[in-house]
Amino acid sequence: MPRFKTTEMIIKGTEEYFDENWMDSPFLQLPDSDAWDYSRELNIEDIDIWEVISEMSGPTGLYAAWLPYAEFYMIINRRQIDSTYYGKGSDDPASKRCDELGIHYPKK
């Protein structure tokens, strides 16, 4: 099941973004998301919700922009922003950095 967090939740290592109303449906419910228009490069401050791709204690992990939805990845290493990757194909350098840090990266 997909998990979601805000930037603050990621850095502080707290709970997930969750709405109890999602449990009222027999179908998978996800937070609302709008596609990014790529009119300019995204910044961390532009992201309201992240999808948790891979996460370890610390927190250390890989997160993908969900709201707005874009090809934008953030890697956290011990509660610090390690790196971000934006744009088409940015999953490749993100996966390489995850390998360097020992973060599980789901292969295609």
Protein backbone atom coordinates (compact mmCIF):
# COMPACT_ATOMS: atom_id res chain seq x y z
CA MET A 1 0.00 0.00 0.00
CA PRO A 2 1.40 3.43 -0.92
CA ARG A 3 2.46 5.73 1.90
CA PHE A 4 2.58 9.51 1.87
CA LYS A 5 4.25 12.20 3.98
CA THR A 6 4.76 15.94 4.02
CA THR A 7 8.31 17.31 4.04
CA GLU A 8 7.98 18.13 7.73
CA MET A 9 6.85 14.58 8.52
CA ILE A 10 9.85 13.20 6.64
CA ILE A 11 12.43 15.40 8.38
CA LYS A 12 10.95 14.94 11.85
CA GLY A 13 10.42 11.22 11.34
CA THR A 14 6.77 11.41 12.34
CA GLU A 15 3.53 9.83 11.19
CA GLU A 16 2.24 9.43 7.66
CA TYR A 17 -0.19 11.62 5.80
CA PHE A 18 -3.48 9.79 6.25
CA ASP A 19 -7.18 10.51 6.03
CA GLU A 20 -9.53 8.22 7.97
CA ASN A 21 -12.18 8.70 5.26
CA TRP A 22 -10.02 6.61 2.93
CA MET A 23 -11.10 3.59 4.97
CA ASP A 24 -14.75 4.12 3.94
CA SER A 25 -14.09 2.71 0.48
CA PRO A 26 -13.43 -0.85 -0.62
CA PHE A 27 -10.98 0.59 -3.17
CA LEU A 28 -7.51 2.03 -2.71
CA GLN A 29 -7.82 5.71 -1.89
CA LEU A 30 -4.96 8.12 -2.52
CA PRO A 31 -4.44 11.79 -1.69
CA ASP A 32 -5.47 14.20 -4.40
CA SER A 33 -2.74 15.13 -6.84
CA ASP A 34 -2.36 17.59 -9.68
CA ALA A 35 0.17 17.22 -12.47
CA TRP A 36 3.03 19.71 -12.52
CA ASP A 37 3.14 21.75 -15.73
CA TYR A 38 6.98 21.83 -15.90
CA SER A 39 6.85 25.59 -16.52
CA ARG A 40 9.77 25.93 -14.13
CA GLU A 41 11.96 23.67 -12.04
CA LEU A 42 10.39 22.39 -8.85
CA ASN A 43 11.81 23.09 -5.41
CA ILE A 44 11.25 21.14 -2.22
CA GLU A 45 9.08 23.99 -0.95
CA ASP A 46 6.70 23.44 -3.89
CA ILE A 47 5.82 19.91 -2.76
CA ASP A 48 2.91 19.48 -0.37
CA ILE A 49 2.87 15.67 -0.29
CA TRP A 50 5.54 13.07 -1.08
CA GLU A 51 5.07 9.42 -1.89
CA VAL A 52 7.38 7.24 0.19
CA ILE A 53 9.33 5.10 -2.29
CA SER A 54 11.77 3.57 0.20
CA GLU A 55 12.39 4.42 3.83
CA MET A 56 14.71 3.25 6.58
CA SER A 57 15.18 4.43 10.15
CA GLY A 58 16.98 7.66 10.70
CA PRO A 59 14.93 8.69 8.71
CA THR A 60 16.74 7.88 5.53
CA GLY A 61 14.91 7.28 2.29
CA LEU A 62 13.73 8.13 -1.19
CA TYR A 63 10.61 10.20 -1.79
CA ALA A 64 8.79 11.21 -4.98
CA ALA A 65 6.67 14.30 -5.52
CA TRP A 66 2.97 13.49 -5.28
CA LEU A 67 1.32 16.90 -4.90
CA PRO A 68 2.07 18.27 -7.36
CA TYR A 69 2.80 15.09 -9.27
CA ALA A 70 6.10 15.35 -11.16
CA GLU A 71 9.29 13.50 -11.84
CA PHE A 72 11.03 14.95 -8.81
CA TYR A 73 12.84 12.88 -6.20
CA MET A 74 14.28 13.75 -2.82
CA ILE A 75 16.78 11.64 -0.91
CA ILE A 76 17.01 12.07 2.85
CA ASN A 77 20.01 10.75 4.75
CA ARG A 78 19.80 10.88 8.56
CA ARG A 79 17.14 13.60 8.61
CA GLN A 80 19.12 15.79 6.23
CA ILE A 81 18.29 16.50 2.60
CA ASP A 82 21.01 14.68 0.71
CA SER A 83 19.97 15.44 -2.86
CA THR A 84 17.10 16.14 -5.25
CA TYR A 85 16.61 15.08 -8.86
CA TYR A 86 14.19 16.73 -11.27
CA GLY A 87 12.95 16.09 -14.78
CA LYS A 88 12.76 13.32 -17.32
CA GLY A 89 15.05 10.45 -16.47
CA SER A 90 15.83 11.78 -13.00
CA ASP A 91 15.08 8.36 -11.53
CA ASP A 92 18.41 7.08 -12.93
CA PRO A 93 20.72 9.39 -10.94
CA ALA A 94 18.38 9.03 -7.94
CA SER A 95 18.73 5.24 -8.06
CA LYS A 96 22.53 5.52 -8.31
CA ARG A 97 22.66 7.78 -5.25
CA CYS A 98 20.37 5.37 -3.39
CA ASP A 99 22.80 2.54 -4.19
CA GLU A 100 25.68 4.62 -2.80
CA LEU A 101 23.76 5.25 0.44
CA GLY A 102 22.43 1.70 0.77
CA ILE A 103 18.82 2.75 0.29
CA HIS A 104 16.63 0.13 -1.38
CA TYR A 105 15.50 1.37 -4.79
CA PRO A 106 12.70 -0.61 -6.43
CA LYS A 107 13.95 -1.65 -9.87
CA LYS A 108 11.84 -1.12 -12.96
